[in-house]
């Protein structure tokens, strides 16, 4: 039996969601956006049939349509409110990153999903990159031995036109800065690979080159993990003149790995003491070239969520995973704003706590 699907939010990332839904044979019944022109453009650009229902109010959509799965791809500041309403109506969810902008909202989303026995997946699609899956396999097989440190570098460019296209971007109430919007995918990967449990964070953030936004365009952080390893995070949207790279390094006693490319989709270094595979062969095989930084991960993420719904299991990327990524970004913000290390876990923090930070 096909799963009936709807998308809320028809902006920049929406074609990836629609293509993933089509690739997984979902029955796309409705699209929702405050701007009907965005819905029409999405239908034309993805060759959807014109009989898809169009809504400007997601609550009205849920009253009128029978839907089993919804993806939320609105501005970040609205994710939580929409997610909580959908969960109360009994609908499974895929939520674009970040899962919310406050830890309290993330906790409520997790609680509602458990209470109503619903699947909620945070859309960290880069976990499904072939390169990342290969590195994860090496982690799980203990090929690195003791993990020493990892590094996530996101060296990108976002100019004024990017922010003027959608005024919510770069605001504390609806988004956050470079770390929350552009860098959270790689921050998620670093935390996941390095054992997930963070003890302490020390960070600097600044707005050096984007006076037209409220939040940071540069973030630098040192992360201490419970397993004794360390992490380095460098995220910026200041790189001249265009995106340079997104890289993930993992260093262990017995292994060194580097993933790079547009969205950490290419294995560039693969060195292990055990000699179980040929580094050149691995680098040649795990070398995807997606058309954009969004990569190819949405389709397998959707496939996993569909299987999770049908088999009543947790998805590969859970709501808790989404909370973990959010928590680490907020801990960086907190450390940078106080000038002090921050112990984790933290609770009750939101992006709005940092309003006026760079005024």
C-alpha atoms as a PDB file:
ATOM      1  CA  UNK A   1       0.000   0.000   0.000  1.00  0.00           C
ATOM      2  CA  UNK A   2       1.406   3.390  -0.988  1.00  0.00           C
ATOM      3  CA  UNK A   3       2.119   6.027   1.632  1.00  0.00           C
ATOM      4  CA  UNK A   4       0.380   9.363   1.127  1.00  0.00           C
ATOM      5  CA  UNK A   5       2.843  12.244   1.333  1.00  0.00           C
ATOM      6  CA  UNK A   6       2.755  16.027   1.585  1.00  0.00           C
ATOM      7  CA  UNK A   7       5.415  18.727   1.650  1.00  0.00           C
ATOM      8  CA  UNK A   8       5.168  21.890   3.744  1.00  0.00           C
ATOM      9  CA  UNK A   9       7.509  24.584   2.439  1.00  0.00           C
ATOM     10  CA  UNK A  10       8.297  24.882  -1.271  1.00  0.00           C
ATOM     11  CA  UNK A  11      11.515  26.908  -1.251  1.00  0.00           C
ATOM     12  CA  UNK A  12      15.132  26.254  -2.185  1.00  0.00           C
ATOM     13  CA  UNK A  13      15.445  22.673  -0.889  1.00  0.00           C
ATOM     14  CA  UNK A  14      11.957  21.481  -1.889  1.00  0.00           C
ATOM     15  CA  UNK A  15      12.855  19.919  -5.287  1.00  0.00           C
ATOM     16  CA  UNK A  16      15.200  17.490  -3.499  1.00  0.00           C
ATOM     17  CA  UNK A  17      12.315  16.362  -1.299  1.00  0.00           C
ATOM     18  CA  UNK A  18       9.929  15.945  -4.212  1.00  0.00           C
ATOM     19  CA  UNK A  19      12.463  13.988  -6.258  1.00  0.00           C
ATOM     20  CA  UNK A  20      13.143  11.748  -3.247  1.00  0.00           C
ATOM     21  CA  UNK A  21       9.388  11.189  -2.809  1.00  0.00           C
ATOM     22  CA  UNK A  22       8.994  10.317  -6.496  1.00  0.00           C
ATOM     23  CA  UNK A  23      12.022   8.019  -6.436  1.00  0.00           C
ATOM     24  CA  UNK A  24      10.451   6.137  -3.518  1.00  0.00           C
ATOM     25  CA  UNK A  25       6.989   5.867  -5.092  1.00  0.00           C
ATOM     26  CA  UNK A  26       5.253   7.955  -2.476  1.00  0.00           C
ATOM     27  CA  UNK A  27       1.768   9.166  -3.372  1.00  0.00           C
ATOM     28  CA  UNK A  28       2.238  12.946  -3.386  1.00  0.00           C
ATOM     29  CA  UNK A  29      -1.184  14.318  -2.474  1.00  0.00           C
ATOM     30  CA  UNK A  30      -0.514  17.911  -1.410  1.00  0.00           C
ATOM     31  CA  UNK A  31       1.938  20.800  -1.341  1.00  0.00           C
ATOM     32  CA  UNK A  32       1.745  23.686   1.106  1.00  0.00           C
ATOM     33  CA  UNK A  33       3.364  27.113   1.083  1.00  0.00           C
ATOM     34  CA  UNK A  34       2.279  30.631   1.968  1.00  0.00           C
ATOM     35  CA  UNK A  35       3.205  31.635  -1.606  1.00  0.00           C
ATOM     36  CA  UNK A  36       1.162  29.779  -4.241  1.00  0.00           C
ATOM     37  CA  UNK A  37       3.659  30.841  -6.917  1.00  0.00           C
ATOM     38  CA  UNK A  38       6.318  28.729  -5.206  1.00  0.00           C
ATOM     39  CA  UNK A  39       3.995  25.731  -5.318  1.00  0.00           C
ATOM     40  CA  UNK A  40       3.315  26.263  -9.033  1.00  0.00           C
ATOM     41  CA  UNK A  41       7.016  26.612  -9.791  1.00  0.00           C
ATOM     42  CA  UNK A  42       7.803  23.441  -7.829  1.00  0.00           C
ATOM     43  CA  UNK A  43       5.143  21.505  -9.756  1.00  0.00           C
ATOM     44  CA  UNK A  44       6.546  22.695 -13.091  1.00  0.00           C
ATOM     45  CA  UNK A  45      10.206  22.143 -12.211  1.00  0.00           C
ATOM     46  CA  UNK A  46       9.695  18.602 -10.904  1.00  0.00           C
ATOM     47  CA  UNK A  47       7.068  17.530 -13.471  1.00  0.00           C
ATOM     48  CA  UNK A  48       4.465  16.758 -10.850  1.00  0.00           C
ATOM     49  CA  UNK A  49       0.938  16.287 -12.079  1.00  0.00           C
ATOM     50  CA  UNK A  50      -1.327  19.296 -11.735  1.00  0.00           C
ATOM     51  CA  UNK A  51      -3.878  17.372  -9.667  1.00  0.00           C
ATOM     52  CA  UNK A  52      -1.680  17.668  -6.569  1.00  0.00           C
ATOM     53  CA  UNK A  53      -3.645  19.696  -4.039  1.00  0.00           C
ATOM     54  CA  UNK A  54      -2.280  23.149  -3.164  1.00  0.00           C
ATOM     55  CA  UNK A  55      -2.609  24.754   0.261  1.00  0.00           C
ATOM     56  CA  UNK A  56      -1.447  27.949   1.947  1.00  0.00           C
ATOM     57  CA  UNK A  57      -2.442  26.692   5.424  1.00  0.00           C
ATOM     58  CA  UNK A  58      -0.967  23.401   6.671  1.00  0.00           C
ATOM     59  CA  UNK A  59      -3.708  23.040   9.289  1.00  0.00           C
ATOM     60  CA  UNK A  60      -6.342  23.230   6.571  1.00  0.00           C
ATOM     61  CA  UNK A  61      -4.348  20.674   4.559  1.00  0.00           C
ATOM     62  CA  UNK A  62      -4.339  18.242   7.465  1.00  0.00           C
ATOM     63  CA  UNK A  63      -8.106  18.662   7.908  1.00  0.00           C
ATOM     64  CA  UNK A  64      -8.813  18.024   4.224  1.00  0.00           C
ATOM     65  CA  UNK A  65      -6.286  15.312   3.300  1.00  0.00           C
ATOM     66  CA  UNK A  66      -5.445  11.808   4.489  1.00  0.00           C
ATOM     67  CA  UNK A  67      -1.642  11.960   4.908  1.00  0.00           C
ATOM     68  CA  UNK A  68       0.751   9.469   6.509  1.00  0.00           C
ATOM     69  CA  UNK A  69       4.066  11.297   5.971  1.00  0.00           C
ATOM     70  CA  UNK A  70       4.908  14.993   5.832  1.00  0.00           C
ATOM     71  CA  UNK A  71       8.218  16.696   5.178  1.00  0.00           C
ATOM     72  CA  UNK A  72       8.715  20.104   6.764  1.00  0.00           C
ATOM     73  CA  UNK A  73      10.982  22.363   4.717  1.00  0.00           C
ATOM     74  CA  UNK A  74       9.885  25.834   5.809  1.00  0.00           C
ATOM     75  CA  UNK A  75      12.095  28.485   7.345  1.00  0.00           C
ATOM     76  CA  UNK A  76      13.865  26.951  10.347  1.00  0.00           C
ATOM     77  CA  UNK A  77      12.035  28.996  12.957  1.00  0.00           C
ATOM     78  CA  UNK A  78       8.702  27.385  12.038  1.00  0.00           C
ATOM     79  CA  UNK A  79       9.849  23.745  12.059  1.00  0.00           C
ATOM     80  CA  UNK A  80       8.904  23.077  15.675  1.00  0.00           C
ATOM     81  CA  UNK A  81       5.426  24.613  15.675  1.00  0.00           C
ATOM     82  CA  UNK A  82       4.451  22.749  12.497  1.00  0.00           C
ATOM     83  CA  UNK A  83       6.052  19.500  13.669  1.00  0.00           C
ATOM     84  CA  UNK A  84       4.211  19.510  16.988  1.00  0.00           C
ATOM     85  CA  UNK A  85       0.869  20.137  15.292  1.00  0.00           C
ATOM     86  CA  UNK A  86       1.457  17.339  12.755  1.00  0.00           C
ATOM     87  CA  UNK A  87       2.467  14.886  15.476  1.00  0.00           C
ATOM     88  CA  UNK A  88      -0.667  15.676  17.445  1.00  0.00           C
ATOM     89  CA  UNK A  89      -2.608  14.836  14.276  1.00  0.00           C
ATOM     90  CA  UNK A  90      -0.869  11.461  13.996  1.00  0.00           C
ATOM     91  CA  UNK A  91       1.442  12.100  11.032  1.00  0.00           C
ATOM     92  CA  UNK A  92       5.003  10.784  10.600  1.00  0.00           C
ATOM     93  CA  UNK A  93       7.631  13.427   9.798  1.00  0.00           C
ATOM     94  CA  UNK A  94      10.839  14.252   8.017  1.00  0.00           C
ATOM     95  CA  UNK A  95      12.075  17.595   9.376  1.00  0.00           C
ATOM     96  CA  UNK A  96      14.682  19.621   7.514  1.00  0.00           C
ATOM     97  CA  UNK A  97      17.658  20.693   9.571  1.00  0.00           C
ATOM     98  CA  UNK A  98      17.716  22.040  12.159  1.00  0.00           C
ATOM     99  CA  UNK A  99      14.958  20.033  13.812  1.00  0.00           C
ATOM    100  CA  UNK A 100      14.088  23.204  15.761  1.00  0.00           C
ATOM    101  CA  UNK A 101      15.814  26.325  17.068  1.00  0.00           C
ATOM    102  CA  UNK A 102      15.333  25.536  20.750  1.00  0.00           C
ATOM    103  CA  UNK A 103      16.170  22.477  22.829  1.00  0.00           C
ATOM    104  CA  UNK A 104      12.816  22.649  24.607  1.00  0.00           C
ATOM    105  CA  UNK A 105      11.021  22.363  21.263  1.00  0.00           C
ATOM    106  CA  UNK A 106      13.270  19.488  20.195  1.00  0.00           C
ATOM    107  CA  UNK A 107      12.487  17.694  23.448  1.00  0.00           C
ATOM    108  CA  UNK A 108       8.762  18.187  22.897  1.00  0.00           C
ATOM    109  CA  UNK A 109       9.003  16.814  19.340  1.00  0.00           C
ATOM    110  CA  UNK A 110      10.810  13.716  20.656  1.00  0.00           C
ATOM    111  CA  UNK A 111       8.226  13.290  23.417  1.00  0.00           C
ATOM    112  CA  UNK A 112       5.247  13.629  21.057  1.00  0.00           C
ATOM    113  CA  UNK A 113       6.725  11.141  18.588  1.00  0.00           C
ATOM    114  CA  UNK A 114       7.125   8.548  21.353  1.00  0.00           C
ATOM    115  CA  UNK A 115       3.718   9.252  22.847  1.00  0.00           C
ATOM    116  CA  UNK A 116       1.983   8.828  19.486  1.00  0.00           C
ATOM    117  CA  UNK A 117       4.250   6.017  18.221  1.00  0.00           C
ATOM    118  CA  UNK A 118       5.271   8.035  15.157  1.00  0.00           C
ATOM    119  CA  UNK A 119       8.437   8.129  13.080  1.00  0.00           C
ATOM    120  CA  UNK A 120      10.358  11.425  13.076  1.00  0.00           C
ATOM    121  CA  UNK A 121      13.565  11.745  11.091  1.00  0.00           C
ATOM    122  CA  UNK A 122      15.875  14.758  11.110  1.00  0.00           C
ATOM    123  CA  UNK A 123      16.920  15.438   7.519  1.00  0.00           C
ATOM    124  CA  UNK A 124      20.684  15.012   7.879  1.00  0.00           C
ATOM    125  CA  UNK A 125      20.917  13.403   4.460  1.00  0.00           C
ATOM    126  CA  UNK A 126      24.726  13.468   4.250  1.00  0.00           C
ATOM    127  CA  UNK A 127      24.797  10.466   6.596  1.00  0.00           C
ATOM    128  CA  UNK A 128      23.679   8.481   3.538  1.00  0.00           C
ATOM    129  CA  UNK A 129      26.576   9.602   1.319  1.00  0.00           C
ATOM    130  CA  UNK A 130      28.450   6.515   0.095  1.00  0.00           C
ATOM    131  CA  UNK A 131      31.676   8.035   1.425  1.00  0.00           C
ATOM    132  CA  UNK A 132      30.177   8.661   4.863  1.00  0.00           C
ATOM    133  CA  UNK A 133      28.682   5.176   5.000  1.00  0.00           C
ATOM    134  CA  UNK A 134      32.116   3.738   4.220  1.00  0.00           C
ATOM    135  CA  UNK A 135      33.733   5.761   7.023  1.00  0.00           C
ATOM    136  CA  UNK A 136      30.956   4.819   9.430  1.00  0.00           C
ATOM    137  CA  UNK A 137      31.554   1.146   8.627  1.00  0.00           C
ATOM    138  CA  UNK A 138      35.237   1.593   9.522  1.00  0.00           C
ATOM    139  CA  UNK A 139      34.234   3.260  12.820  1.00  0.00           C
ATOM    140  CA  UNK A 140      31.837   0.428  13.719  1.00  0.00           C
ATOM    141  CA  UNK A 141      34.453  -2.208  12.808  1.00  0.00           C
ATOM    142  CA  UNK A 142      36.986  -0.453  15.092  1.00  0.00           C
ATOM    143  CA  UNK A 143      39.474  -0.030  12.257  1.00  0.00           C
ATOM    144  CA  UNK A 144      40.636   3.320  13.648  1.00  0.00           C
ATOM    145  CA  UNK A 145      41.474   1.846  17.043  1.00  0.00           C
ATOM    146  CA  UNK A 146      41.392   4.628  19.614  1.00  0.00           C
ATOM    147  CA  UNK A 147      39.878   7.772  18.114  1.00  0.00           C
ATOM    148  CA  UNK A 148      42.222  10.734  18.581  1.00  0.00           C
ATOM    149  CA  UNK A 149      40.592  13.702  16.926  1.00  0.00           C
ATOM    150  CA  UNK A 150      38.311  14.720  14.088  1.00  0.00           C
ATOM    151  CA  UNK A 151      37.816  17.951  12.167  1.00  0.00           C
ATOM    152  CA  UNK A 152      34.874  19.430  10.270  1.00  0.00           C
ATOM    153  CA  UNK A 153      35.664  22.285   7.888  1.00  0.00           C
ATOM    154  CA  UNK A 154      32.914  24.124   6.011  1.00  0.00           C
ATOM    155  CA  UNK A 155      34.523  26.822   3.881  1.00  0.00           C
ATOM    156  CA  UNK A 156      31.697  28.341   1.887  1.00  0.00           C
ATOM    157  CA  UNK A 157      30.447  31.624   0.476  1.00  0.00           C
ATOM    158  CA  UNK A 158      27.064  33.241   0.956  1.00  0.00           C
ATOM    159  CA  UNK A 159      26.595  36.739  -0.414  1.00  0.00           C
ATOM    160  CA  UNK A 160      24.017  39.419   0.204  1.00  0.00           C
ATOM    161  CA  UNK A 161      21.747  38.166  -2.591  1.00  0.00           C
ATOM    162  CA  UNK A 162      21.349  34.814  -0.815  1.00  0.00           C
ATOM    163  CA  UNK A 163      19.991  36.566   2.272  1.00  0.00           C
ATOM    164  CA  UNK A 164      17.826  39.056   0.392  1.00  0.00           C
ATOM    165  CA  UNK A 165      16.076  36.138  -1.387  1.00  0.00           C
ATOM    166  CA  UNK A 166      14.715  34.996   1.976  1.00  0.00           C
ATOM    167  CA  UNK A 167      14.829  37.635   4.742  1.00  0.00           C
ATOM    168  CA  UNK A 168      14.448  34.991   7.498  1.00  0.00           C
ATOM    169  CA  UNK A 169      17.976  33.744   6.821  1.00  0.00           C
ATOM    170  CA  UNK A 170      20.603  34.921   9.262  1.00  0.00           C
ATOM    171  CA  UNK A 171      18.056  36.028  11.874  1.00  0.00           C
ATOM    172  CA  UNK A 172      18.123  34.703  15.428  1.00  0.00           C
ATOM    173  CA  UNK A 173      14.363  34.130  15.560  1.00  0.00           C
ATOM    174  CA  UNK A 174      14.107  32.139  12.325  1.00  0.00           C
ATOM    175  CA  UNK A 175      17.544  30.728  11.528  1.00  0.00           C
ATOM    176  CA  UNK A 176      20.855  31.426  13.261  1.00  0.00           C
ATOM    177  CA  UNK A 177      24.062  31.913  11.332  1.00  0.00           C
ATOM    178  CA  UNK A 178      26.574  29.918   9.329  1.00  0.00           C
ATOM    179  CA  UNK A 179      26.905  27.166  11.930  1.00  0.00           C
ATOM    180  CA  UNK A 180      23.163  26.538  12.246  1.00  0.00           C
ATOM    181  CA  UNK A 181      22.258  26.848   8.577  1.00  0.00           C
ATOM    182  CA  UNK A 182      25.217  25.838   6.421  1.00  0.00           C
ATOM    183  CA  UNK A 183      27.445  23.864   8.808  1.00  0.00           C
ATOM    184  CA  UNK A 184      25.067  21.761  10.895  1.00  0.00           C
ATOM    185  CA  UNK A 185      25.269  18.787   8.495  1.00  0.00           C
ATOM    186  CA  UNK A 186      29.016  18.403   8.969  1.00  0.00           C
ATOM    187  CA  UNK A 187      28.756  19.184  12.682  1.00  0.00           C
ATOM    188  CA  UNK A 188      26.251  16.321  12.897  1.00  0.00           C
ATOM    189  CA  UNK A 189      28.691  13.987  11.115  1.00  0.00           C
ATOM    190  CA  UNK A 190      31.586  14.926  13.390  1.00  0.00           C
ATOM    191  CA  UNK A 191      29.596  14.305  16.572  1.00  0.00           C
ATOM    192  CA  UNK A 192      28.190  11.023  15.214  1.00  0.00           C
ATOM    193  CA  UNK A 193      31.578   9.683  14.119  1.00  0.00           C
ATOM    194  CA  UNK A 194      33.445  10.667  17.279  1.00  0.00           C
ATOM    195  CA  UNK A 195      31.222   8.770  19.697  1.00  0.00           C
ATOM    196  CA  UNK A 196      28.273  11.192  19.985  1.00  0.00           C
ATOM    197  CA  UNK A 197      28.805  12.051  23.662  1.00  0.00           C
ATOM    198  CA  UNK A 198      30.231  15.559  24.110  1.00  0.00           C
ATOM    199  CA  UNK A 199      31.737  16.634  27.434  1.00  0.00           C
ATOM    200  CA  UNK A 200      32.763  20.230  26.761  1.00  0.00           C
ATOM    201  CA  UNK A 201      32.921  22.907  24.061  1.00  0.00           C
ATOM    202  CA  UNK A 202      34.947  26.096  23.775  1.00  0.00           C
ATOM    203  CA  UNK A 203      34.263  28.416  20.859  1.00  0.00           C
ATOM    204  CA  UNK A 204      34.486  31.760  19.159  1.00  0.00           C
ATOM    205  CA  UNK A 205      31.895  33.141  16.751  1.00  0.00           C
ATOM    206  CA  UNK A 206      31.832  36.454  14.922  1.00  0.00           C
ATOM    207  CA  UNK A 207      30.173  38.418  12.168  1.00  0.00           C
ATOM    208  CA  UNK A 208      33.086  39.734  10.118  1.00  0.00           C
ATOM    209  CA  UNK A 209      31.673  40.293   6.647  1.00  0.00           C
ATOM    210  CA  UNK A 210      27.865  40.147   6.748  1.00  0.00           C
ATOM    211  CA  UNK A 211      26.548  43.365   8.351  1.00  0.00           C
ATOM    212  CA  UNK A 212      23.134  42.668   6.778  1.00  0.00           C
ATOM    213  CA  UNK A 213      22.461  39.600   8.986  1.00  0.00           C
ATOM    214  CA  UNK A 214      22.065  39.267  12.758  1.00  0.00           C
ATOM    215  CA  UNK A 215      24.013  36.054  13.368  1.00  0.00           C
ATOM    216  CA  UNK A 216      27.541  34.741  12.796  1.00  0.00           C
ATOM    217  CA  UNK A 217      29.385  34.221   9.525  1.00  0.00           C
ATOM    218  CA  UNK A 218      32.332  32.511  11.261  1.00  0.00           C
ATOM    219  CA  UNK A 219      32.467  29.873  13.973  1.00  0.00           C
ATOM    220  CA  UNK A 220      35.531  28.151  15.455  1.00  0.00           C
ATOM    221  CA  UNK A 221      35.192  25.499  18.146  1.00  0.00           C
ATOM    222  CA  UNK A 222      37.108  22.849  20.058  1.00  0.00           C
ATOM    223  CA  UNK A 223      35.026  19.894  21.224  1.00  0.00           C
ATOM    224  CA  UNK A 224      35.995  17.358  23.897  1.00  0.00           C
ATOM    225  CA  UNK A 225      34.265  13.976  23.620  1.00  0.00           C
ATOM    226  CA  UNK A 226      33.545  11.530  26.431  1.00  0.00           C
ATOM    227  CA  UNK A 227      35.733   8.842  24.817  1.00  0.00           C
ATOM    228  CA  UNK A 228      38.797  11.086  25.196  1.00  0.00           C
ATOM    229  CA  UNK A 229      38.947  12.277  21.598  1.00  0.00           C
ATOM    230  CA  UNK A 230      38.702  15.872  20.392  1.00  0.00           C
ATOM    231  CA  UNK A 231      36.960  17.698  17.588  1.00  0.00           C
ATOM    232  CA  UNK A 232      37.698  20.849  15.633  1.00  0.00           C
ATOM    233  CA  UNK A 233      34.949  22.799  13.901  1.00  0.00           C
ATOM    234  CA  UNK A 234      35.587  25.592  11.402  1.00  0.00           C
ATOM    235  CA  UNK A 235      32.532  27.014   9.692  1.00  0.00           C
ATOM    236  CA  UNK A 236      32.371  30.132   7.563  1.00  0.00           C
ATOM    237  CA  UNK A 237      30.386  31.753   4.764  1.00  0.00           C
ATOM    238  CA  UNK A 238      33.138  34.310   4.114  1.00  0.00           C
ATOM    239  CA  UNK A 239      35.248  32.433   1.562  1.00  0.00           C
ATOM    240  CA  UNK A 240      36.060  34.504  -1.540  1.00  0.00           C
ATOM    241  CA  UNK A 241      34.700  34.239  -4.180  1.00  0.00           C
ATOM    242  CA  UNK A 242      32.626  31.019  -3.923  1.00  0.00           C
ATOM    243  CA  UNK A 243      32.288  27.738  -2.017  1.00  0.00           C
ATOM    244  CA  UNK A 244      35.712  26.175  -1.526  1.00  0.00           C
ATOM    245  CA  UNK A 245      35.169  22.861   0.276  1.00  0.00           C
ATOM    246  CA  UNK A 246      33.451  20.846   2.949  1.00  0.00           C
ATOM    247  CA  UNK A 247      35.744  18.295   4.576  1.00  0.00           C
ATOM    248  CA  UNK A 248      35.619  15.777   7.391  1.00  0.00           C
ATOM    249  CA  UNK A 249      38.805  14.298   8.882  1.00  0.00           C
ATOM    250  CA  UNK A 250      38.917  11.338  11.280  1.00  0.00           C
ATOM    251  CA  UNK A 251      42.243  10.508  12.957  1.00  0.00           C
ATOM    252  CA  UNK A 252      42.735   7.350  15.012  1.00  0.00           C
ATOM    253  CA  UNK A 253      45.658   5.324  16.325  1.00  0.00           C
ATOM    254  CA  UNK A 254      45.375   2.985  13.344  1.00  0.00           C
ATOM    255  CA  UNK A 255      43.690   5.032  10.657  1.00  0.00           C
ATOM    256  CA  UNK A 256      43.426   8.367   8.846  1.00  0.00           C
ATOM    257  CA  UNK A 257      40.474   9.336   6.655  1.00  0.00           C
ATOM    258  CA  UNK A 258      39.462  12.483   4.813  1.00  0.00           C
ATOM    259  CA  UNK A 259      36.144  13.052   3.063  1.00  0.00           C
ATOM    260  CA  UNK A 260      35.816  16.108   0.845  1.00  0.00           C
ATOM    261  CA  UNK A 261      34.045  17.450  -2.205  1.00  0.00           C
ATOM    262  CA  UNK A 262      30.905  19.561  -2.367  1.00  0.00           C
ATOM    263  CA  UNK A 263      29.164  17.754   0.469  1.00  0.00           C
ATOM    264  CA  UNK A 264      31.729  15.323   1.935  1.00  0.00           C
ATOM    265  CA  UNK A 265      30.881  12.901  -0.878  1.00  0.00           C
ATOM    266  CA  UNK A 266      34.424  12.013  -1.956  1.00  0.00           C
ATOM    267  CA  UNK A 267      36.941   9.964   0.017  1.00  0.00           C
ATOM    268  CA  UNK A 268      40.234  11.762  -0.485  1.00  0.00           C
ATOM    269  CA  UNK A 269      42.413   9.920   2.046  1.00  0.00           C
ATOM    270  CA  UNK A 270      42.022   6.322   3.223  1.00  0.00           C
ATOM    271  CA  UNK A 271      44.890   4.890   5.269  1.00  0.00           C
ATOM    272  CA  UNK A 272      44.557   1.991   7.711  1.00  0.00           C
ATOM    273  CA  UNK A 273      47.146  -0.049   9.561  1.00  0.00           C
ATOM    274  CA  UNK A 274      45.199  -3.280   8.937  1.00  0.00           C
ATOM    275  CA  UNK A 275      45.705  -3.067   5.163  1.00  0.00           C
ATOM    276  CA  UNK A 276      42.305  -4.646   4.514  1.00  0.00           C
ATOM    277  CA  UNK A 277      41.666  -2.657   1.365  1.00  0.00           C
ATOM    278  CA  UNK A 278      43.495  -0.775  -1.383  1.00  0.00           C
ATOM    279  CA  UNK A 279      43.373   2.979  -0.637  1.00  0.00           C
ATOM    280  CA  UNK A 280      43.399   3.918  -4.338  1.00  0.00           C
ATOM    281  CA  UNK A 281      40.532   1.546  -5.056  1.00  0.00           C
ATOM    282  CA  UNK A 282      38.485   2.948  -2.163  1.00  0.00           C
ATOM    283  CA  UNK A 283      39.137   6.531  -3.278  1.00  0.00           C
ATOM    284  CA  UNK A 284      38.144   5.650  -6.829  1.00  0.00           C
ATOM    285  CA  UNK A 285      34.957   3.835  -5.787  1.00  0.00           C
ATOM    286  CA  UNK A 286      33.692   6.369  -3.234  1.00  0.00           C
ATOM    287  CA  UNK A 287      33.693   9.435  -5.425  1.00  0.00           C
ATOM    288  CA  UNK A 288      30.248  10.899  -6.017  1.00  0.00           C
ATOM    289  CA  UNK A 289      29.803  14.183  -7.870  1.00  0.00           C
ATOM    290  CA  UNK A 290      26.391  15.664  -7.008  1.00  0.00           C
ATOM    291  CA  UNK A 291      25.104  18.754  -8.824  1.00  0.00           C
ATOM    292  CA  UNK A 292      24.861  20.744  -5.581  1.00  0.00           C
ATOM    293  CA  UNK A 293      25.921  20.748  -1.929  1.00  0.00           C
ATOM    294  CA  UNK A 294      22.679  18.929  -1.104  1.00  0.00           C
ATOM    295  CA  UNK A 295      24.200  15.706  -2.435  1.00  0.00           C
ATOM    296  CA  UNK A 296      22.320  12.496  -3.219  1.00  0.00           C
ATOM    297  CA  UNK A 297      21.224  11.639   0.326  1.00  0.00           C
ATOM    298  CA  UNK A 298      17.546  12.586   0.288  1.00  0.00           C
ATOM    299  CA  UNK A 299      16.400   9.542  -1.700  1.00  0.00           C
ATOM    300  CA  UNK A 300      17.990   6.940   0.622  1.00  0.00           C
ATOM    301  CA  UNK A 301      16.859   8.922   3.689  1.00  0.00           C
ATOM    302  CA  UNK A 302      13.279   8.770   2.395  1.00  0.00           C
ATOM    303  CA  UNK A 303      13.638   5.040   1.667  1.00  0.00           C
ATOM    304  CA  UNK A 304      14.755   4.463   5.252  1.00  0.00           C
ATOM    305  CA  UNK A 305      11.883   6.505   6.726  1.00  0.00           C
ATOM    306  CA  UNK A 306       9.326   4.630   4.609  1.00  0.00           C
ATOM    307  CA  UNK A 307      10.758   1.315   5.814  1.00  0.00           C
ATOM    308  CA  UNK A 308      10.746   2.586   9.422  1.00  0.00           C
ATOM    309  CA  UNK A 309       7.052   3.488   9.134  1.00  0.00           C
ATOM    310  CA  UNK A 310       6.132   0.121   7.617  1.00  0.00           C
ATOM    311  CA  UNK A 311       8.152  -1.880  10.133  1.00  0.00           C
ATOM    312  CA  UNK A 312       7.435   0.301  13.165  1.00  0.00           C
ATOM    313  CA  UNK A 313      11.083   0.960  13.956  1.00  0.00           C
ATOM    314  CA  UNK A 314      13.278   4.000  14.573  1.00  0.00           C
ATOM    315  CA  UNK A 315      14.705   5.647  11.435  1.00  0.00           C
ATOM    316  CA  UNK A 316      18.440   5.685  10.726  1.00  0.00           C
ATOM    317  CA  UNK A 317      18.518   9.422  11.524  1.00  0.00           C
ATOM    318  CA  UNK A 318      16.271  10.026  14.518  1.00  0.00           C
ATOM    319  CA  UNK A 319      14.781  13.092  16.152  1.00  0.00           C
ATOM    320  CA  UNK A 320      17.346  12.582  18.941  1.00  0.00           C
ATOM    321  CA  UNK A 321      20.106  12.819  16.327  1.00  0.00           C
ATOM    322  CA  UNK A 322      18.589  16.101  15.194  1.00  0.00           C
ATOM    323  CA  UNK A 323      18.566  17.322  18.788  1.00  0.00           C
ATOM    324  CA  UNK A 324      22.210  16.314  19.237  1.00  0.00           C
ATOM    325  CA  UNK A 325      23.302  18.408  16.252  1.00  0.00           C
ATOM    326  CA  UNK A 326      21.210  21.342  17.476  1.00  0.00           C
ATOM    327  CA  UNK A 327      22.635  21.028  21.003  1.00  0.00           C
ATOM    328  CA  UNK A 328      26.224  21.192  19.767  1.00  0.00           C
ATOM    329  CA  UNK A 329      25.575  24.327  17.700  1.00  0.00           C
ATOM    330  CA  UNK A 330      23.787  25.996  20.629  1.00  0.00           C
ATOM    331  CA  UNK A 331      26.647  25.014  22.968  1.00  0.00           C
ATOM    332  CA  UNK A 332      29.062  26.718  20.568  1.00  0.00           C
ATOM    333  CA  UNK A 333      26.873  29.833  20.597  1.00  0.00           C
ATOM    334  CA  UNK A 334      26.737  29.773  24.394  1.00  0.00           C
ATOM    335  CA  UNK A 335      30.491  29.381  24.804  1.00  0.00           C
ATOM    336  CA  UNK A 336      31.233  32.134  22.304  1.00  0.00           C
ATOM    337  CA  UNK A 337      28.789  34.538  23.962  1.00  0.00           C
ATOM    338  CA  UNK A 338      30.139  33.944  27.495  1.00  0.00           C
ATOM    339  CA  UNK A 339      33.819  33.496  26.606  1.00  0.00           C
ATOM    340  CA  UNK A 340      33.876  30.313  28.700  1.00  0.00           C
ATOM    341  CA  UNK A 341      33.882  26.557  28.088  1.00  0.00           C
ATOM    342  CA  UNK A 342      30.427  24.990  28.196  1.00  0.00           C
ATOM    343  CA  UNK A 343      29.764  21.596  29.760  1.00  0.00           C
ATOM    344  CA  UNK A 344      27.287  19.308  28.046  1.00  0.00           C
ATOM    345  CA  UNK A 345      24.502  18.296  28.190  1.00  0.00           C
ATOM    346  CA  UNK A 346      22.716  21.639  28.058  1.00  0.00           C
ATOM    347  CA  UNK A 347      18.980  22.301  28.224  1.00  0.00           C
ATOM    348  CA  UNK A 348      16.537  25.121  27.620  1.00  0.00           C
ATOM    349  CA  UNK A 349      18.741  27.070  25.169  1.00  0.00           C
ATOM    350  CA  UNK A 350      17.438  28.699  21.984  1.00  0.00           C
ATOM    351  CA  UNK A 351      18.870  30.824  19.180  1.00  0.00           C
ATOM    352  CA  UNK A 352      16.743  33.693  20.447  1.00  0.00           C
ATOM    353  CA  UNK A 353      18.903  33.771  23.603  1.00  0.00           C
ATOM    354  CA  UNK A 354      21.627  35.338  21.448  1.00  0.00           C
ATOM    355  CA  UNK A 355      19.635  38.193  19.927  1.00  0.00           C
ATOM    356  CA  UNK A 356      21.714  41.363  19.762  1.00  0.00           C
ATOM    357  CA  UNK A 357      24.977  39.401  19.973  1.00  0.00           C
ATOM    358  CA  UNK A 358      26.667  41.280  17.118  1.00  0.00           C
ATOM    359  CA  UNK A 359      24.763  44.580  17.257  1.00  0.00           C
END
